[in-house]
C-alpha atoms as a PDB file:
ATOM      1  CA  MET A   1      -9.935-166.402  60.472  1.00  0.00           C
ATOM      2  CA  LYS A   2      -9.483-170.397  61.136  1.00  0.00           C
ATOM      3  CA  GLN A   3      -6.745-169.728  58.781  1.00  0.00           C
ATOM      4  CA  GLN A   4      -4.837-167.118  60.608  1.00  0.00           C
ATOM      5  CA  ALA A   5      -5.288-169.163  63.902  1.00  0.00           C
ATOM      6  CA  THR A   6      -3.636-171.870  62.308  1.00  0.00           C
ATOM      7  CA  ASP A   7      -0.891-169.904  61.269  1.00  0.00           C
ATOM      8  CA  ASN A   8      -0.470-168.205  64.581  1.00  0.00           C
ATOM      9  CA  GLN A   9      -0.502-171.334  66.011  1.00  0.00           C
ATOM     10  CA  SER A  10       2.479-172.814  63.384  1.00  0.00           C
ATOM     11  CA  ASP A  11       4.279-169.242  63.867  1.00  0.00           C
ATOM     12  CA  ALA A  12       4.380-170.121  67.717  1.00  0.00           C
ATOM     13  CA  ALA A  13       5.443-173.524  67.691  1.00  0.00           C
ATOM     14  CA  ARG A  14       7.976-172.464  64.860  1.00  0.00           C
ATOM     15  CA  LEU A  15       9.216-169.634  67.632  1.00  0.00           C
ATOM     16  CA  ILE A  16       9.310-172.602  70.529  1.00  0.00           C
ATOM     17  CA  LEU A  17      11.177-174.941  68.321  1.00  0.00           C
ATOM     18  CA  GLU A  18      13.892-172.538  67.418  1.00  0.00           C
ATOM     19  CA  HIS A  19      14.341-170.671  70.548  1.00  0.00           C
ATOM     20  CA  GLN A  20      13.379-172.997  73.620  1.00  0.00           C
ATOM     21  CA  ALA A  21      16.595-174.145  74.142  1.00  0.00           C
ATOM     22  CA  GLY A  22      18.798-170.930  74.127  1.00  0.00           C
ATOM     23  CA  VAL A  23      16.470-169.736  76.865  1.00  0.00           C
ATOM     24  CA  TRP A  24      16.412-172.671  79.200  1.00  0.00           C
ATOM     25  CA  ARG A  25      20.484-172.428  78.611  1.00  0.00           C
ATOM     26  CA  TYR A  26      20.293-168.652  79.159  1.00  0.00           C
ATOM     27  CA  LEU A  27      18.128-169.182  82.546  1.00  0.00           C
ATOM     28  CA  ARG A  28      20.791-172.002  83.668  1.00  0.00           C
ATOM     29  CA  VAL A  29      23.701-169.368  83.375  1.00  0.00           C
ATOM     30  CA  LEU A  30      21.655-166.988  85.054  1.00  0.00           C
ATOM     31  CA  GLY A  31      21.785-169.479  88.271  1.00  0.00           C
ATOM     32  CA  SER A  32      18.446-171.295  87.768  1.00  0.00           C
ATOM     33  CA  SER A  33      17.819-175.031  88.535  1.00  0.00           C
ATOM     34  CA  PRO A  34      17.155-176.847  85.629  1.00  0.00           C
ATOM     35  CA  GLU A  35      13.158-177.286  86.915  1.00  0.00           C
ATOM     36  CA  LEU A  36      12.984-173.443  87.506  1.00  0.00           C
ATOM     37  CA  ALA A  37      14.634-173.489  84.061  1.00  0.00           C
ATOM     38  CA  GLU A  38      12.252-175.432  82.517  1.00  0.00           C
ATOM     39  CA  ASP A  39       9.144-173.475  84.343  1.00  0.00           C
ATOM     40  CA  LEU A  40      10.431-170.040  83.380  1.00  0.00           C
ATOM     41  CA  THR A  41      10.899-171.072  80.063  1.00  0.00           C
ATOM     42  CA  GLN A  42       7.557-171.881  79.474  1.00  0.00           C
ATOM     43  CA  GLU A  43       6.564-168.888  81.336  1.00  0.00           C
ATOM     44  CA  THR A  44       8.745-166.807  78.881  1.00  0.00           C
ATOM     45  CA  PHE A  45       7.341-167.917  75.781  1.00  0.00           C
ATOM     46  CA  LEU A  46       3.478-167.425  76.985  1.00  0.00           C
ATOM     47  CA  ALA A  47       4.166-164.042  77.905  1.00  0.00           C
ATOM     48  CA  VAL A  48       5.329-162.849  74.394  1.00  0.00           C
ATOM     49  CA  LEU A  49       2.611-165.117  72.694  1.00  0.00           C
ATOM     50  CA  GLN A  50      -0.012-163.437  74.634  1.00  0.00           C
ATOM     51  CA  ARG A  51       0.524-160.070  73.166  1.00  0.00           C
ATOM     52  CA  PRO A  52       1.276-159.138  69.626  1.00  0.00           C
ATOM     53  CA  PHE A  53       5.098-160.507  68.355  1.00  0.00           C
ATOM     54  CA  THR A  54       7.190-159.266  65.692  1.00  0.00           C
ATOM     55  CA  ASP A  55      10.008-161.453  64.598  1.00  0.00           C
ATOM     56  CA  HIS A  56      12.656-159.052  63.476  1.00  0.00           C
ATOM     57  CA  GLY A  57      15.008-161.858  63.076  1.00  0.00           C
ATOM     58  CA  PRO A  58      16.244-164.706  65.021  1.00  0.00           C
ATOM     59  CA  ALA A  59      19.287-163.141  66.795  1.00  0.00           C
ATOM     60  CA  ALA A  60      16.763-160.334  67.638  1.00  0.00           C
ATOM     61  CA  THR A  61      14.118-162.616  68.546  1.00  0.00           C
ATOM     62  CA  ALA A  62      16.684-164.304  70.671  1.00  0.00           C
ATOM     63  CA  ALA A  63      17.957-161.083  72.526  1.00  0.00           C
ATOM     64  CA  TYR A  64      14.015-160.167  72.991  1.00  0.00           C
ATOM     65  CA  LEU A  65      13.181-163.616  74.739  1.00  0.00           C
ATOM     66  CA  ARG A  66      16.340-163.678  76.963  1.00  0.00           C
ATOM     67  CA  GLN A  67      15.312-160.473  78.049  1.00  0.00           C
ATOM     68  CA  VAL A  68      11.804-161.264  78.840  1.00  0.00           C
ATOM     69  CA  ALA A  69      13.144-164.833  80.647  1.00  0.00           C
ATOM     70  CA  ARG A  70      15.666-162.533  82.647  1.00  0.00           C
ATOM     71  CA  ASN A  71      12.863-160.250  83.786  1.00  0.00           C
ATOM     72  CA  LEU A  72      11.081-163.525  85.207  1.00  0.00           C
ATOM     73  CA  PHE A  73      13.800-164.616  86.822  1.00  0.00           C
ATOM     74  CA  ILE A  74      14.898-161.561  88.855  1.00  0.00           C
ATOM     75  CA  SER A  75      11.384-161.383  89.886  1.00  0.00           C
ATOM     76  CA  HIS A  76      11.187-165.257  90.972  1.00  0.00           C
ATOM     77  CA  GLN A  77      14.466-164.473  92.731  1.00  0.00           C
ATOM     78  CA  ARG A  78      12.819-161.446  94.231  1.00  0.00           C
ATOM     79  CA  ARG A  79       9.988-163.229  95.456  1.00  0.00           C
ATOM     80  CA  GLY A  80      11.958-165.875  97.034  1.00  0.00           C
ATOM     81  CA  GLY A  81      13.799-163.348  98.976  1.00  0.00           C
ATOM     82  CA  ARG A  82      16.564-163.610  97.032  1.00  0.00           C
ATOM     83  CA  TYR A  83      18.519-160.524  95.200  1.00  0.00           C
ATOM     84  CA  VAL A  84      20.006-160.748  92.154  1.00  0.00           C
ATOM     85  CA  LEU A  85      22.945-158.040  91.547  1.00  0.00           C
ATOM     86  CA  VAL A  86      22.125-156.447  87.986  1.00  0.00           C
ATOM     87  CA  GLU A  87      25.861-156.005  87.607  1.00  0.00           C
ATOM     88  CA  ASP A  88      26.049-159.691  87.784  1.00  0.00           C
ATOM     89  CA  VAL A  89      23.453-160.158  85.211  1.00  0.00           C
ATOM     90  CA  ALA A  90      24.972-157.529  82.852  1.00  0.00           C
ATOM     91  CA  GLU A  91      28.094-159.508  83.106  1.00  0.00           C
ATOM     92  CA  ILE A  92      26.402-162.950  82.255  1.00  0.00           C
ATOM     93  CA  ASP A  93      24.648-161.277  79.493  1.00  0.00           C
ATOM     94  CA  GLU A  94      27.898-160.176  77.632  1.00  0.00           C
ATOM     95  CA  ALA A  95      29.683-163.462  78.214  1.00  0.00           C
ATOM     96  CA  TRP A  96      26.237-165.394  77.061  1.00  0.00           C
ATOM     97  CA  ASP A  97      26.676-162.910  73.702  1.00  0.00           C
ATOM     98  CA  ARG A  98      30.741-163.561  73.059  1.00  0.00           C
ATOM     99  CA  TRP A  99      30.244-167.440  73.778  1.00  0.00           C
ATOM    100  CA  ALA A 100      26.854-168.459  72.758  1.00  0.00           C
ATOM    101  CA  GLY A 101      24.732-165.842  71.450  1.00  0.00           C
ATOM    102  CA  LYS A 102      24.961-166.635  67.575  1.00  0.00           C
ATOM    103  CA  ASP A 103      23.365-169.624  67.894  1.00  0.00           C
ATOM    104  CA  ASP A 104      21.781-170.136  71.333  1.00  0.00           C
ATOM    105  CA  GLY A 105      25.056-171.979  72.569  1.00  0.00           C
ATOM    106  CA  GLU A 106      24.648-175.059  70.201  1.00  0.00           C
ATOM    107  CA  THR A 107      28.780-174.343  68.722  1.00  0.00           C
ATOM    108  CA  LEU A 108      29.826-174.042  72.479  1.00  0.00           C
ATOM    109  CA  LEU A 109      28.012-177.252  72.828  1.00  0.00           C
ATOM    110  CA  ALA A 110      29.108-179.444  70.315  1.00  0.00           C
ATOM    111  CA  VAL A 111      32.619-177.806  71.170  1.00  0.00           C
ATOM    112  CA  LEU A 112      32.457-179.463  74.997  1.00  0.00           C
ATOM    113  CA  HIS A 113      31.532-182.768  73.213  1.00  0.00           C
ATOM    114  CA  GLN A 114      34.174-183.061  71.260  1.00  0.00           C
ATOM    115  CA  CYS A 115      36.552-182.063  74.018  1.00  0.00           C
ATOM    116  CA  VAL A 116      34.968-184.661  76.469  1.00  0.00           C
ATOM    117  CA  GLU A 117      35.821-186.996  74.125  1.00  0.00           C
ATOM    118  CA  GLY A 118      39.730-185.556  74.097  1.00  0.00           C
ATOM    119  CA  LEU A 119      39.631-186.782  77.760  1.00  0.00           C
ATOM    120  CA  THR A 120      40.775-189.914  79.490  1.00  0.00           C
ATOM    121  CA  GLU A 121      38.067-192.757  80.280  1.00  0.00           C
ATOM    122  CA  ARG A 122      38.876-192.004  83.924  1.00  0.00           C
ATOM    123  CA  ALA A 123      38.727-188.666  83.654  1.00  0.00           C
ATOM    124  CA  ARG A 124      35.124-188.516  81.645  1.00  0.00           C
ATOM    125  CA  LEU A 125      33.745-190.985  84.309  1.00  0.00           C
ATOM    126  CA  ALA A 126      34.671-188.563  87.242  1.00  0.00           C
ATOM    127  CA  LEU A 127      33.153-185.658  85.493  1.00  0.00           C
ATOM    128  CA  ASP A 128      30.084-187.806  84.603  1.00  0.00           C
ATOM    129  CA  LEU A 129      30.060-188.809  88.001  1.00  0.00           C
ATOM    130  CA  ARG A 130      30.026-185.267  89.732  1.00  0.00           C
ATOM    131  CA  PHE A 131      27.987-183.416  87.192  1.00  0.00           C
ATOM    132  CA  ARG A 132      25.331-185.516  86.276  1.00  0.00           C
ATOM    133  CA  GLN A 133      25.208-188.109  89.043  1.00  0.00           C
ATOM    134  CA  ASP A 134      25.729-185.538  91.769  1.00  0.00           C
ATOM    135  CA  ARG A 135      28.053-188.359  93.378  1.00  0.00           C
ATOM    136  CA  SER A 136      30.592-186.752  96.440  1.00  0.00           C
ATOM    137  CA  ARG A 137      34.078-187.007  95.983  1.00  0.00           C
ATOM    138  CA  SER A 138      34.728-189.913  98.021  1.00  0.00           C
ATOM    139  CA  GLU A 139      31.965-192.022  95.975  1.00  0.00           C
ATOM    140  CA  ILE A 140      34.119-190.510  93.023  1.00  0.00           C
ATOM    141  CA  ALA A 141      37.360-191.936  94.564  1.00  0.00           C
ATOM    142  CA  ALA A 142      35.981-195.262  94.920  1.00  0.00           C
ATOM    143  CA  THR A 143      34.788-195.856  91.704  1.00  0.00           C
ATOM    144  CA  VAL A 144      37.713-194.587  89.580  1.00  0.00           C
ATOM    145  CA  GLU A 145      40.005-196.360  92.566  1.00  0.00           C
ATOM    146  CA  LEU A 146      41.882-193.536  93.326  1.00  0.00           C
ATOM    147  CA  SER A 147      42.347-191.311  96.836  1.00  0.00           C
ATOM    148  CA  GLU A 148      39.899-188.005  97.843  1.00  0.00           C
ATOM    149  CA  ASN A 149      42.620-185.919  96.933  1.00  0.00           C
ATOM    150  CA  GLY A 150      43.428-187.488  93.819  1.00  0.00           C
ATOM    151  CA  ALA A 151      39.810-187.705  92.468  1.00  0.00           C
ATOM    152  CA  LYS A 152      40.137-183.686  93.352  1.00  0.00           C
ATOM    153  CA  ASN A 153      42.905-183.589  91.364  1.00  0.00           C
ATOM    154  CA  LEU A 154      41.255-185.968  88.440  1.00  0.00           C
ATOM    155  CA  LEU A 155      38.232-183.278  88.441  1.00  0.00           C
ATOM    156  CA  GLN A 156      40.554-179.889  88.541  1.00  0.00           C
ATOM    157  CA  ARG A 157      42.901-181.296  85.783  1.00  0.00           C
ATOM    158  CA  ALA A 158      39.976-182.730  83.533  1.00  0.00           C
ATOM    159  CA  LYS A 159      38.033-179.376  84.261  1.00  0.00           C
ATOM    160  CA  GLN A 160      41.072-177.265  83.116  1.00  0.00           C
ATOM    161  CA  GLN A 161      41.820-179.707  80.182  1.00  0.00           C
ATOM    162  CA  LEU A 162      37.703-178.948  79.448  1.00  0.00           C
ATOM    163  CA  ARG A 163      38.848-175.082  79.269  1.00  0.00           C
ATOM    164  CA  ASP A 164      41.781-174.919  77.573  1.00  0.00           C
ATOM    165  CA  CYS A 165      40.177-177.185  74.911  1.00  0.00           C
ATOM    166  CA  ILE A 166      37.159-174.667  74.555  1.00  0.00           C
ATOM    167  CA  GLU A 167      39.305-171.877  74.407  1.00  0.00           C
ATOM    168  CA  ARG A 168      41.554-173.124  71.996  1.00  0.00           C
ATOM    169  CA  LYS A 169      39.143-174.145  69.528  1.00  0.00           C
ATOM    170  CA  ILE A 170      36.083-171.261  70.090  1.00  0.00           C
ATOM    171  CA  VAL A 171      38.655-167.942  70.653  1.00  0.00           C
ATOM    172  CA  ASN A 172      41.476-169.335  68.529  1.00  0.00           C
ATOM    173  CA  GLY A 173      39.278-171.074  65.646  1.00  0.00           C
END
């Protein structure tokens, strides 16, 4: 009996280790805040592990965990009086499967890091200020020594370069 409990704990730990990042990323793609994604990821694994769970391979398990996470996210949104359009969720699922489904976004993330390295130092700094530090356009402009319009153009060009680079590396192989 004790051995079975230990095996179940190690299976649960393996499941979480292998799929936690993918569930969290999926919730972020659905529109969840980082904090809510963290909470819902934990709730997803609790819900799955409270019932008997049979692992049918990485892809099926990942799809099942995303379904549980999606349902928890939709329930959370509805409790908060926010509506989630099911058509939008279906489109997001299709995009997720196309771009990140095989490995929960690991390849896409690696490609993004490669593409970011290809940007100029100024463009990397501007993106970091905007998306990691949540700085305003005027703060970004002052830091990179551009006008506000110049900072806006720099960010737009950097995002387009990233988009083009990712598409070249992922879509065109």
